[in-house]
Amino acid sequence: MRTCAVTVGLFLLAFMPGLAQSVQHATSGTPARQQTAVPSSNSSPGQAKVNPTKEADIRRLLELTGVKGLATQMMSEMMDTIKPVLANSLPPGDYREKLIDLFIAKFRSKVDAGHLVELAIPIYDKHFSDDEIKGLIQFYQTPLGQKTIHELPAVVTEMQLEGKQWGEALGRDSMREVLTEHPELAKALEAASKPSQQ
């Protein structure tokens, strides 16, 4: 069964590339696409209003599953992850570490987990009927539902770690095999690496 924790995780994973791209635009002087604050679910122009009863149920579900707390925790973990990405995207210099630290502090000061709830409401409205929302609420009120809420963040974290290690191992093996199968590319790589090592 899909849970709110997975929803939050996927939302934040989708969000991070946009953040990195925005930082690159800001530091390169290239104008980024202008962003505006996303209005609440009941005031988005061109979007049908969510039935008030169903919206209340969605809010109850998101509250029950602890989406705000989970979003805050996952955002903090992702900001720690993005720090080296930012360092690699900025030109070297003494300024870089201070700039990144100040950026992360500024970003964290702007993060409002409640805004994630407002973003989630029309998405849940689109994908789940009110009866399904009510069913999810019933499930998350059971002992198994409560255990799922409690355990899923650790499960997702462990899966991410295992997936990262697996991906790194596959990447190393694939590169070794390609270089073994194509010795001309191995020589070209070795030659290209020498000037950067001097």
N, C-alpha and C. Protein backbone atom coordinates (compact mmCIF):
# COMPACT_ATOMS: atom_id res chain seq x y z
N MET A 1 0.84 -1.19 0.00
CA MET A 1 0.00 0.00 0.00
C MET A 1 0.88 1.24 0.00
N ARG A 2 0.54 2.18 -0.83
CA ARG A 2 1.30 3.43 -0.85
C ARG A 2 0.94 4.23 0.39
N THR A 3 1.93 4.92 0.94
CA THR A 3 1.66 5.70 2.14
C THR A 3 2.08 7.13 1.93
N CYS A 4 1.70 7.96 2.88
CA CYS A 4 2.05 9.37 2.80
C CYS A 4 3.55 9.57 2.87
N ALA A 5 4.26 8.70 3.59
CA ALA A 5 5.71 8.85 3.69
C ALA A 5 6.35 8.69 2.31
N VAL A 6 5.89 7.74 1.55
CA VAL A 6 6.42 7.56 0.20
C VAL A 6 6.07 8.77 -0.65
N THR A 7 4.85 9.29 -0.49
CA THR A 7 4.44 10.47 -1.24
C THR A 7 5.36 11.64 -0.95
N VAL A 8 5.63 11.87 0.34
CA VAL A 8 6.52 12.97 0.72
C VAL A 8 7.91 12.76 0.14
N GLY A 9 8.41 11.52 0.26
CA GLY A 9 9.75 11.23 -0.26
C GLY A 9 9.85 11.47 -1.76
N LEU A 10 8.87 11.01 -2.50
CA LEU A 10 8.90 11.20 -3.94
C LEU A 10 8.76 12.67 -4.31
N PHE A 11 7.91 13.39 -3.57
CA PHE A 11 7.75 14.82 -3.83
C PHE A 11 9.08 15.54 -3.64
N LEU A 12 9.75 15.23 -2.54
CA LEU A 12 11.02 15.91 -2.25
C LEU A 12 12.10 15.50 -3.23
N LEU A 13 12.11 14.25 -3.65
CA LEU A 13 13.09 13.83 -4.66
C LEU A 13 12.86 14.55 -5.97
N ALA A 14 11.60 14.73 -6.32
CA ALA A 14 11.29 15.47 -7.56
C ALA A 14 11.65 16.93 -7.42
N PHE A 15 11.58 17.44 -6.20
CA PHE A 15 11.85 18.85 -5.94
C PHE A 15 13.34 19.19 -6.04
N MET A 16 14.21 18.27 -5.65
CA MET A 16 15.64 18.58 -5.53
C MET A 16 16.30 18.97 -6.86
N PRO A 17 16.02 18.32 -7.99
CA PRO A 17 16.64 18.78 -9.23
C PRO A 17 16.27 20.21 -9.57
N GLY A 18 15.05 20.61 -9.29
CA GLY A 18 14.63 21.99 -9.53
C GLY A 18 15.40 22.94 -8.65
N LEU A 19 15.66 22.54 -7.41
CA LEU A 19 16.45 23.37 -6.51
C LEU A 19 17.86 23.54 -7.04
N ALA A 20 18.49 22.45 -7.44
CA ALA A 20 19.86 22.52 -7.97
C ALA A 20 19.91 23.40 -9.21
N GLN A 21 18.91 23.27 -10.09
CA GLN A 21 18.88 24.08 -11.31
C GLN A 21 18.70 25.56 -10.96
N SER A 22 17.86 25.86 -9.98
CA SER A 22 17.67 27.24 -9.56
C SER A 22 18.95 27.84 -9.02
N VAL A 23 19.70 27.05 -8.24
CA VAL A 23 20.96 27.53 -7.69
C VAL A 23 21.94 27.80 -8.82
N GLN A 24 22.00 26.91 -9.81
CA GLN A 24 22.91 27.12 -10.94
C GLN A 24 22.55 28.38 -11.70
N HIS A 25 21.26 28.64 -11.93
CA HIS A 25 20.83 29.85 -12.62
C HIS A 25 21.21 31.09 -11.81
N ALA A 26 21.00 31.02 -10.51
CA ALA A 26 21.28 32.18 -9.66
C ALA A 26 22.76 32.50 -9.63
N THR A 27 23.61 31.47 -9.61
CA THR A 27 25.05 31.72 -9.53
C THR A 27 25.67 32.04 -10.87
N SER A 28 25.00 31.64 -11.97
CA SER A 28 25.57 31.90 -13.29
C SER A 28 25.11 33.22 -13.88
N GLY A 29 24.11 33.82 -13.24
CA GLY A 29 23.58 35.08 -13.77
C GLY A 29 22.52 34.86 -14.83
N THR A 30 22.25 33.60 -15.18
CA THR A 30 21.20 33.30 -16.15
C THR A 30 19.85 33.43 -15.46
N PRO A 31 18.93 34.18 -16.03
CA PRO A 31 17.63 34.31 -15.34
C PRO A 31 16.90 32.98 -15.31
N ALA A 32 16.46 32.61 -14.13
CA ALA A 32 15.68 31.38 -13.97
C ALA A 32 14.21 31.70 -14.21
N ARG A 33 13.45 30.66 -14.49
CA ARG A 33 12.02 30.82 -14.66
C ARG A 33 11.45 31.36 -13.34
N GLN A 34 10.68 32.42 -13.41
CA GLN A 34 10.16 33.04 -12.20
C GLN A 34 9.14 32.12 -11.55
N GLN A 35 9.30 31.96 -10.24
CA GLN A 35 8.39 31.14 -9.46
C GLN A 35 7.52 32.04 -8.60
N THR A 36 6.29 31.67 -8.44
CA THR A 36 5.42 32.39 -7.52
C THR A 36 4.94 31.42 -6.48
N ALA A 37 4.50 31.96 -5.37
CA ALA A 37 4.00 31.12 -4.31
C ALA A 37 2.79 30.35 -4.83
N VAL A 38 2.70 29.09 -4.44
CA VAL A 38 1.57 28.27 -4.87
C VAL A 38 0.40 28.56 -3.95
N PRO A 39 -0.73 28.98 -4.50
CA PRO A 39 -1.88 29.27 -3.66
C PRO A 39 -2.45 28.01 -3.04
N SER A 40 -3.29 28.18 -2.03
CA SER A 40 -3.89 27.03 -1.38
C SER A 40 -4.79 26.29 -2.36
N SER A 41 -5.16 25.07 -1.97
CA SER A 41 -5.91 24.21 -2.87
C SER A 41 -7.26 24.79 -3.26
N ASN A 42 -7.80 25.66 -2.43
CA ASN A 42 -9.12 26.21 -2.74
C ASN A 42 -9.07 27.51 -3.52
N SER A 43 -7.85 27.99 -3.87
CA SER A 43 -7.80 29.26 -4.58
C SER A 43 -6.98 29.22 -5.85
N SER A 44 -6.60 28.02 -6.30
CA SER A 44 -5.82 27.92 -7.53
C SER A 44 -6.68 28.28 -8.72
N PRO A 45 -6.26 29.30 -9.49
CA PRO A 45 -7.05 29.65 -10.66
C PRO A 45 -7.03 28.53 -11.69
N GLY A 46 -8.19 28.27 -12.31
CA GLY A 46 -8.26 27.25 -13.36
C GLY A 46 -8.33 25.84 -12.82
N GLN A 47 -8.33 25.69 -11.50
CA GLN A 47 -8.37 24.35 -10.92
C GLN A 47 -9.68 24.22 -10.14
N ALA A 48 -10.36 23.10 -10.33
CA ALA A 48 -11.63 22.89 -9.65
C ALA A 48 -11.39 22.85 -8.14
N LYS A 49 -12.35 23.42 -7.41
CA LYS A 49 -12.24 23.41 -5.95
C LYS A 49 -12.45 21.98 -5.45
N VAL A 50 -11.72 21.68 -4.39
CA VAL A 50 -11.89 20.38 -3.75
C VAL A 50 -13.15 20.46 -2.89
N ASN A 51 -13.96 19.42 -2.95
CA ASN A 51 -15.14 19.35 -2.11
C ASN A 51 -14.70 19.55 -0.65
N PRO A 52 -15.34 20.47 0.07
CA PRO A 52 -14.91 20.77 1.45
C PRO A 52 -14.88 19.55 2.38
N THR A 53 -15.84 18.65 2.23
CA THR A 53 -15.84 17.44 3.07
C THR A 53 -14.64 16.56 2.73
N LYS A 54 -14.38 16.39 1.44
CA LYS A 54 -13.24 15.58 1.02
C LYS A 54 -11.94 16.25 1.43
N GLU A 55 -11.86 17.57 1.31
CA GLU A 55 -10.64 18.28 1.72
C GLU A 55 -10.37 18.06 3.20
N ALA A 56 -11.43 18.11 4.01
CA ALA A 56 -11.26 17.87 5.45
C ALA A 56 -10.74 16.46 5.70
N ASP A 57 -11.25 15.49 4.94
CA ASP A 57 -10.77 14.11 5.08
C ASP A 57 -9.30 14.00 4.67
N ILE A 58 -8.94 14.66 3.58
CA ILE A 58 -7.54 14.62 3.14
C ILE A 58 -6.64 15.24 4.20
N ARG A 59 -7.06 16.38 4.75
CA ARG A 59 -6.27 17.02 5.82
C ARG A 59 -6.14 16.09 7.02
N ARG A 60 -7.22 15.40 7.35
CA ARG A 60 -7.18 14.45 8.47
C ARG A 60 -6.19 13.33 8.18
N LEU A 61 -6.22 12.80 6.96
CA LEU A 61 -5.29 11.74 6.58
C LEU A 61 -3.84 12.22 6.67
N LEU A 62 -3.57 13.41 6.14
CA LEU A 62 -2.21 13.94 6.16
C LEU A 62 -1.74 14.22 7.59
N GLU A 63 -2.67 14.67 8.42
CA GLU A 63 -2.33 14.90 9.84
C GLU A 63 -2.05 13.58 10.54
N LEU A 64 -2.92 12.61 10.29
CA LEU A 64 -2.80 11.29 10.92
C LEU A 64 -1.47 10.62 10.57
N THR A 65 -1.03 10.81 9.34
CA THR A 65 0.20 10.15 8.88
C THR A 65 1.45 11.00 9.14
N GLY A 66 1.28 12.18 9.75
CA GLY A 66 2.44 12.98 10.15
C GLY A 66 3.23 13.55 9.00
N VAL A 67 2.54 13.96 7.95
CA VAL A 67 3.22 14.46 6.76
C VAL A 67 4.10 15.67 7.06
N LYS A 68 3.63 16.59 7.89
CA LYS A 68 4.43 17.80 8.17
C LYS A 68 5.76 17.44 8.81
N GLY A 69 5.73 16.61 9.84
CA GLY A 69 6.97 16.23 10.52
C GLY A 69 7.89 15.45 9.62
N LEU A 70 7.31 14.55 8.84
CA LEU A 70 8.11 13.75 7.92
C LEU A 70 8.74 14.62 6.85
N ALA A 71 7.98 15.59 6.35
CA ALA A 71 8.53 16.49 5.33
C ALA A 71 9.70 17.28 5.89
N THR A 72 9.56 17.78 7.11
CA THR A 72 10.64 18.55 7.73
C THR A 72 11.88 17.70 7.90
N GLN A 73 11.70 16.46 8.38
CA GLN A 73 12.83 15.55 8.58
C GLN A 73 13.51 15.22 7.25
N MET A 74 12.72 14.88 6.25
CA MET A 74 13.29 14.49 4.97
C MET A 74 13.95 15.67 4.27
N MET A 75 13.36 16.86 4.41
CA MET A 75 13.97 18.05 3.80
C MET A 75 15.33 18.32 4.43
N SER A 76 15.43 18.15 5.75
CA SER A 76 16.71 18.36 6.44
C SER A 76 17.75 17.37 5.94
N GLU A 77 17.35 16.10 5.80
CA GLU A 77 18.28 15.09 5.30
C GLU A 77 18.69 15.39 3.85
N MET A 78 17.76 15.86 3.05
CA MET A 78 18.07 16.15 1.65
C MET A 78 18.97 17.37 1.52
N MET A 79 18.82 18.34 2.41
CA MET A 79 19.70 19.50 2.36
C MET A 79 21.14 19.08 2.68
N ASP A 80 21.31 18.11 3.60
CA ASP A 80 22.65 17.59 3.88
C ASP A 80 23.21 16.88 2.65
N THR A 81 22.34 16.21 1.91
CA THR A 81 22.75 15.50 0.70
C THR A 81 23.12 16.45 -0.42
N ILE A 82 22.39 17.56 -0.51
CA ILE A 82 22.63 18.48 -1.64
C ILE A 82 23.88 19.33 -1.43
N LYS A 83 24.39 19.39 -0.20
CA LYS A 83 25.56 20.23 0.07
C LYS A 83 26.74 19.90 -0.85
N PRO A 84 27.14 18.62 -0.99
CA PRO A 84 28.24 18.32 -1.92
C PRO A 84 27.89 18.60 -3.38
N VAL A 85 26.61 18.46 -3.74
CA VAL A 85 26.19 18.76 -5.12
C VAL A 85 26.40 20.25 -5.40
N LEU A 86 26.02 21.08 -4.43
CA LEU A 86 26.24 22.52 -4.58
C LEU A 86 27.72 22.84 -4.67
N ALA A 87 28.51 22.19 -3.82
CA ALA A 87 29.96 22.45 -3.83
C ALA A 87 30.55 22.13 -5.20
N ASN A 88 30.08 21.05 -5.82
CA ASN A 88 30.60 20.66 -7.13
C ASN A 88 30.09 21.56 -8.25
N SER A 89 28.96 22.24 -8.02
CA SER A 89 28.40 23.07 -9.09
C SER A 89 28.93 24.51 -9.04
N LEU A 90 29.62 24.87 -7.96
CA LEU A 90 30.16 26.23 -7.83
C LEU A 90 31.66 26.23 -8.11
N PRO A 91 32.17 27.30 -8.69
CA PRO A 91 33.62 27.38 -8.93
C PRO A 91 34.37 27.34 -7.60
N PRO A 92 35.57 26.73 -7.59
CA PRO A 92 36.35 26.65 -6.34
C PRO A 92 36.71 28.04 -5.82
N GLY A 93 36.89 28.12 -4.52
CA GLY A 93 37.31 29.38 -3.90
C GLY A 93 36.99 29.37 -2.42
N ASP A 94 37.62 30.32 -1.71
CA ASP A 94 37.43 30.40 -0.26
C ASP A 94 35.99 30.75 0.11
N TYR A 95 35.27 31.38 -0.79
CA TYR A 95 33.91 31.84 -0.53
C TYR A 95 32.90 30.70 -0.46
N ARG A 96 33.23 29.57 -1.13
CA ARG A 96 32.23 28.55 -1.45
C ARG A 96 31.55 27.96 -0.21
N GLU A 97 32.32 27.55 0.79
CA GLU A 97 31.72 26.90 1.96
C GLU A 97 30.78 27.85 2.70
N LYS A 98 31.20 29.12 2.84
CA LYS A 98 30.34 30.10 3.53
C LYS A 98 29.07 30.34 2.73
N LEU A 99 29.19 30.47 1.40
CA LEU A 99 28.03 30.68 0.56
C LEU A 99 27.03 29.53 0.69
N ILE A 100 27.55 28.31 0.66
CA ILE A 100 26.67 27.14 0.75
C ILE A 100 25.98 27.09 2.11
N ASP A 101 26.75 27.34 3.19
CA ASP A 101 26.16 27.31 4.53
C ASP A 101 25.07 28.37 4.67
N LEU A 102 25.33 29.57 4.15
CA LEU A 102 24.35 30.64 4.23
C LEU A 102 23.12 30.32 3.38
N PHE A 103 23.35 29.75 2.20
CA PHE A 103 22.24 29.35 1.34
C PHE A 103 21.35 28.33 2.04
N ILE A 104 21.96 27.29 2.63
CA ILE A 104 21.19 26.24 3.29
C ILE A 104 20.41 26.81 4.47
N ALA A 105 21.04 27.70 5.25
CA ALA A 105 20.34 28.33 6.37
C ALA A 105 19.15 29.15 5.86
N LYS A 106 19.36 29.91 4.80
CA LYS A 106 18.28 30.74 4.23
C LYS A 106 17.16 29.85 3.70
N PHE A 107 17.53 28.77 3.00
CA PHE A 107 16.55 27.86 2.44
C PHE A 107 15.71 27.24 3.55
N ARG A 108 16.40 26.75 4.61
CA ARG A 108 15.68 26.12 5.72
C ARG A 108 14.73 27.10 6.39
N SER A 109 15.11 28.38 6.44
CA SER A 109 14.25 29.37 7.08
C SER A 109 12.97 29.59 6.26
N LYS A 110 13.00 29.28 4.99
CA LYS A 110 11.84 29.48 4.12
C LYS A 110 10.94 28.25 4.00
N VAL A 111 11.46 27.09 4.41
CA VAL A 111 10.70 25.86 4.27
C VAL A 111 9.52 25.87 5.24
N ASP A 112 8.35 25.63 4.70
CA ASP A 112 7.12 25.56 5.48
C ASP A 112 6.44 24.24 5.14
N ALA A 113 6.53 23.29 6.07
CA ALA A 113 5.95 21.98 5.80
C ALA A 113 4.44 22.07 5.59
N GLY A 114 3.81 23.08 6.16
CA GLY A 114 2.38 23.25 5.95
C GLY A 114 2.05 23.51 4.49
N HIS A 115 2.99 24.11 3.78
CA HIS A 115 2.78 24.38 2.35
C HIS A 115 2.70 23.06 1.57
N LEU A 116 3.45 22.05 2.03
CA LEU A 116 3.39 20.74 1.39
C LEU A 116 1.99 20.17 1.48
N VAL A 117 1.33 20.38 2.62
CA VAL A 117 -0.05 19.91 2.78
C VAL A 117 -0.95 20.57 1.74
N GLU A 118 -0.78 21.89 1.54
CA GLU A 118 -1.60 22.59 0.55
C GLU A 118 -1.34 22.06 -0.86
N LEU A 119 -0.09 21.71 -1.15
CA LEU A 119 0.23 21.13 -2.45
C LEU A 119 -0.35 19.73 -2.61
N ALA A 120 -0.40 18.99 -1.49
CA ALA A 120 -0.85 17.60 -1.54
C ALA A 120 -2.36 17.46 -1.72
N ILE A 121 -3.11 18.41 -1.21
CA ILE A 121 -4.58 18.27 -1.22
C ILE A 121 -5.14 18.05 -2.62
N PRO A 122 -4.85 18.90 -3.61
CA PRO A 122 -5.43 18.65 -4.94
C PRO A 122 -4.88 17.37 -5.59
N ILE A 123 -3.68 16.97 -5.21
CA ILE A 123 -3.11 15.73 -5.77
C ILE A 123 -3.86 14.52 -5.21
N TYR A 124 -4.06 14.51 -3.89
CA TYR A 124 -4.85 13.42 -3.30
C TYR A 124 -6.28 13.44 -3.85
N ASP A 125 -6.85 14.63 -4.03
CA ASP A 125 -8.19 14.75 -4.58
C ASP A 125 -8.27 14.12 -5.97
N LYS A 126 -7.22 14.32 -6.75
CA LYS A 126 -7.20 13.80 -8.12
C LYS A 126 -7.09 12.27 -8.16
N HIS A 127 -6.31 11.70 -7.25
CA HIS A 127 -5.99 10.27 -7.34
C HIS A 127 -6.83 9.36 -6.45
N PHE A 128 -7.52 9.92 -5.46
CA PHE A 128 -8.28 9.10 -4.54
C PHE A 128 -9.70 9.64 -4.40
N SER A 129 -10.65 8.73 -4.37
CA SER A 129 -12.04 9.13 -4.08
C SER A 129 -12.15 9.42 -2.59
N ASP A 130 -13.24 10.07 -2.20
CA ASP A 130 -13.43 10.34 -0.77
C ASP A 130 -13.54 9.04 0.01
N ASP A 131 -14.20 8.03 -0.57
CA ASP A 131 -14.31 6.73 0.11
C ASP A 131 -12.92 6.11 0.31
N GLU A 132 -12.05 6.25 -0.68
CA GLU A 132 -10.68 5.72 -0.54
C GLU A 132 -9.91 6.48 0.53
N ILE A 133 -10.08 7.79 0.58
CA ILE A 133 -9.43 8.60 1.63
C ILE A 133 -9.92 8.13 3.00
N LYS A 134 -11.23 7.94 3.12
CA LYS A 134 -11.80 7.46 4.38
C LYS A 134 -11.23 6.07 4.74
N GLY A 135 -11.07 5.22 3.72
CA GLY A 135 -10.49 3.90 3.95
C GLY A 135 -9.05 3.98 4.44
N LEU A 136 -8.29 4.91 3.86
CA LEU A 136 -6.90 5.11 4.31
C LEU A 136 -6.87 5.62 5.75
N ILE A 137 -7.78 6.52 6.09
CA ILE A 137 -7.85 7.01 7.47
C ILE A 137 -8.13 5.85 8.41
N GLN A 138 -9.10 5.01 8.03
CA GLN A 138 -9.41 3.84 8.88
C GLN A 138 -8.19 2.95 9.04
N PHE A 139 -7.47 2.70 7.92
CA PHE A 139 -6.29 1.84 8.00
C PHE A 139 -5.24 2.43 8.94
N TYR A 140 -4.96 3.73 8.79
CA TYR A 140 -3.89 4.34 9.59
C TYR A 140 -4.27 4.51 11.04
N GLN A 141 -5.54 4.27 11.39
CA GLN A 141 -5.95 4.29 12.79
C GLN A 141 -5.80 2.91 13.43
N THR A 142 -5.53 1.88 12.63
CA THR A 142 -5.34 0.53 13.17
C THR A 142 -3.91 0.39 13.70
N PRO A 143 -3.64 -0.63 14.53
CA PRO A 143 -2.27 -0.86 15.00
C PRO A 143 -1.28 -1.06 13.83
N LEU A 144 -1.69 -1.79 12.79
CA LEU A 144 -0.81 -1.98 11.64
C LEU A 144 -0.56 -0.65 10.92
N GLY A 145 -1.60 0.14 10.77
CA GLY A 145 -1.44 1.46 10.15
C GLY A 145 -0.49 2.33 10.93
N GLN A 146 -0.63 2.33 12.26
CA GLN A 146 0.27 3.13 13.10
C GLN A 146 1.71 2.61 13.01
N LYS A 147 1.86 1.29 12.96
CA LYS A 147 3.21 0.73 12.80
C LYS A 147 3.79 1.14 11.45
N THR A 148 2.96 1.11 10.41
CA THR A 148 3.42 1.52 9.07
C THR A 148 3.92 2.95 9.10
N ILE A 149 3.15 3.86 9.73
CA ILE A 149 3.56 5.26 9.83
C ILE A 149 4.90 5.36 10.55
N HIS A 150 5.05 4.60 11.63
CA HIS A 150 6.27 4.67 12.44
C HIS A 150 7.48 4.08 11.73
N GLU A 151 7.28 2.96 11.04
CA GLU A 151 8.41 2.22 10.47
C GLU A 151 8.80 2.66 9.06
N LEU A 152 7.85 3.20 8.31
CA LEU A 152 8.13 3.48 6.90
C LEU A 152 9.29 4.44 6.66
N PRO A 153 9.45 5.51 7.45
CA PRO A 153 10.62 6.37 7.20
C PRO A 153 11.94 5.60 7.29
N ALA A 154 12.07 4.71 8.27
CA ALA A 154 13.29 3.91 8.39
C ALA A 154 13.42 2.95 7.21
N VAL A 155 12.29 2.37 6.78
CA VAL A 155 12.32 1.46 5.63
C VAL A 155 12.79 2.21 4.38
N VAL A 156 12.23 3.41 4.15
CA VAL A 156 12.60 4.20 2.97
C VAL A 156 14.08 4.58 3.04
N THR A 157 14.55 5.01 4.23
CA THR A 157 15.96 5.39 4.39
C THR A 157 16.88 4.20 4.09
N GLU A 158 16.54 3.03 4.65
CA GLU A 158 17.36 1.84 4.42
C GLU A 158 17.34 1.44 2.95
N MET A 159 16.18 1.55 2.31
CA MET A 159 16.10 1.21 0.88
C MET A 159 16.94 2.18 0.05
N GLN A 160 16.92 3.47 0.42
CA GLN A 160 17.73 4.44 -0.31
C GLN A 160 19.22 4.11 -0.17
N LEU A 161 19.64 3.76 1.04
CA LEU A 161 21.04 3.42 1.28
C LEU A 161 21.43 2.17 0.49
N GLU A 162 20.60 1.14 0.58
CA GLU A 162 20.89 -0.10 -0.16
C GLU A 162 20.90 0.17 -1.67
N GLY A 163 19.93 0.95 -2.14
CA GLY A 163 19.86 1.28 -3.57
C GLY A 163 21.08 2.07 -4.02
N LYS A 164 21.54 2.99 -3.18
CA LYS A 164 22.73 3.79 -3.51
C LYS A 164 23.96 2.89 -3.63
N GLN A 165 24.13 2.00 -2.63
CA GLN A 165 25.29 1.10 -2.66
C GLN A 165 25.21 0.15 -3.86
N TRP A 166 24.03 -0.35 -4.15
CA TRP A 166 23.85 -1.24 -5.29
C TRP A 166 24.15 -0.50 -6.59
N GLY A 167 23.62 0.72 -6.72
CA GLY A 167 23.89 1.52 -7.92
C GLY A 167 25.36 1.83 -8.10
N GLU A 168 26.04 2.16 -7.00
CA GLU A 168 27.48 2.45 -7.09
C GLU A 168 28.26 1.22 -7.54
N ALA A 169 27.89 0.05 -6.97
CA ALA A 169 28.57 -1.19 -7.36
C ALA A 169 28.32 -1.51 -8.83
N LEU A 170 27.07 -1.35 -9.29
CA LEU A 170 26.76 -1.59 -10.70
C LEU A 170 27.54 -0.63 -11.59
N GLY A 171 27.63 0.63 -11.15
CA GLY A 171 28.36 1.62 -11.93
C GLY A 171 29.85 1.28 -12.06
N ARG A 172 30.46 0.89 -10.94
CA ARG A 172 31.88 0.51 -10.98
C ARG A 172 32.10 -0.70 -11.88
N ASP A 173 31.25 -1.72 -11.72
CA ASP A 173 31.40 -2.94 -12.53
C ASP A 173 31.21 -2.62 -14.01
N SER A 174 30.20 -1.81 -14.32
CA SER A 174 29.92 -1.47 -15.71
C SER A 174 31.09 -0.72 -16.33
N MET A 175 31.64 0.25 -15.59
CA MET A 175 32.77 1.03 -16.12
C MET A 175 33.99 0.13 -16.33
N ARG A 176 34.28 -0.74 -15.36
CA ARG A 176 35.42 -1.66 -15.51
C ARG A 176 35.25 -2.53 -16.74
N GLU A 177 34.04 -3.06 -16.94
CA GLU A 177 33.79 -3.95 -18.07
C GLU A 177 33.93 -3.20 -19.40
N VAL A 178 33.39 -1.98 -19.47
CA VAL A 178 33.49 -1.19 -20.70
C VAL A 178 34.95 -0.90 -21.02
N LEU A 179 35.73 -0.52 -19.99
CA LEU A 179 37.14 -0.20 -20.22
C LEU A 179 37.95 -1.44 -20.60
N THR A 180 37.56 -2.60 -20.06
CA THR A 180 38.23 -3.85 -20.43
C THR A 180 37.88 -4.24 -21.85
N GLU A 181 36.62 -4.07 -22.23
CA GLU A 181 36.17 -4.43 -23.58
C GLU A 181 36.66 -3.44 -24.64
N HIS A 182 36.98 -2.23 -24.23
CA HIS A 182 37.42 -1.18 -25.17
C HIS A 182 38.72 -0.55 -24.66
N PRO A 183 39.84 -1.25 -24.84
CA PRO A 183 41.11 -0.75 -24.31
C PRO A 183 41.49 0.62 -24.87
N GLU A 184 41.02 0.95 -26.08
CA GLU A 184 41.34 2.27 -26.65
C GLU A 184 40.71 3.38 -25.81
N LEU A 185 39.51 3.11 -25.25
CA LEU A 185 38.87 4.10 -24.38
C LEU A 185 39.59 4.19 -23.04
N ALA A 186 40.10 3.05 -22.55
CA ALA A 186 40.87 3.06 -21.30
C ALA A 186 42.12 3.91 -21.46
N LYS A 187 42.81 3.77 -22.62
CA LYS A 187 44.01 4.57 -22.88
C LYS A 187 43.66 6.05 -23.01
N ALA A 188 42.56 6.34 -23.68
CA ALA A 188 42.14 7.73 -23.85
C ALA A 188 41.79 8.35 -22.49
N LEU A 189 41.13 7.58 -21.63
CA LEU A 189 40.79 8.08 -20.30
C LEU A 189 42.04 8.34 -19.49
N GLU A 190 42.99 7.40 -19.56
CA GLU A 190 44.25 7.56 -18.83
C GLU A 190 45.02 8.80 -19.32
N ALA A 191 45.03 9.01 -20.62
CA ALA A 191 45.72 10.18 -21.18
C ALA A 191 45.01 11.47 -20.77
N ALA A 192 43.70 11.47 -20.76
CA ALA A 192 42.94 12.67 -20.40
C ALA A 192 43.10 12.98 -18.92
N SER A 193 43.33 11.97 -18.09
CA SER A 193 43.45 12.18 -16.64
C SER A 193 44.80 12.74 -16.24
N LYS A 194 45.84 12.49 -17.03
CA LYS A 194 47.19 12.91 -16.65
C LYS A 194 47.34 14.42 -16.47
N PRO A 195 46.87 15.28 -17.38
CA PRO A 195 47.05 16.73 -17.17
C PRO A 195 46.37 17.23 -15.91
N SER A 196 45.21 16.65 -15.54
CA SER A 196 44.51 17.12 -14.36
C SER A 196 45.21 16.70 -13.09
N GLN A 197 46.05 15.66 -13.15
CA GLN A 197 46.75 15.20 -11.96
C GLN A 197 48.04 16.00 -11.72
N GLN A 198 48.55 16.71 -12.73
CA GLN A 198 49.80 17.43 -12.57
C GLN A 198 49.58 18.75 -11.87
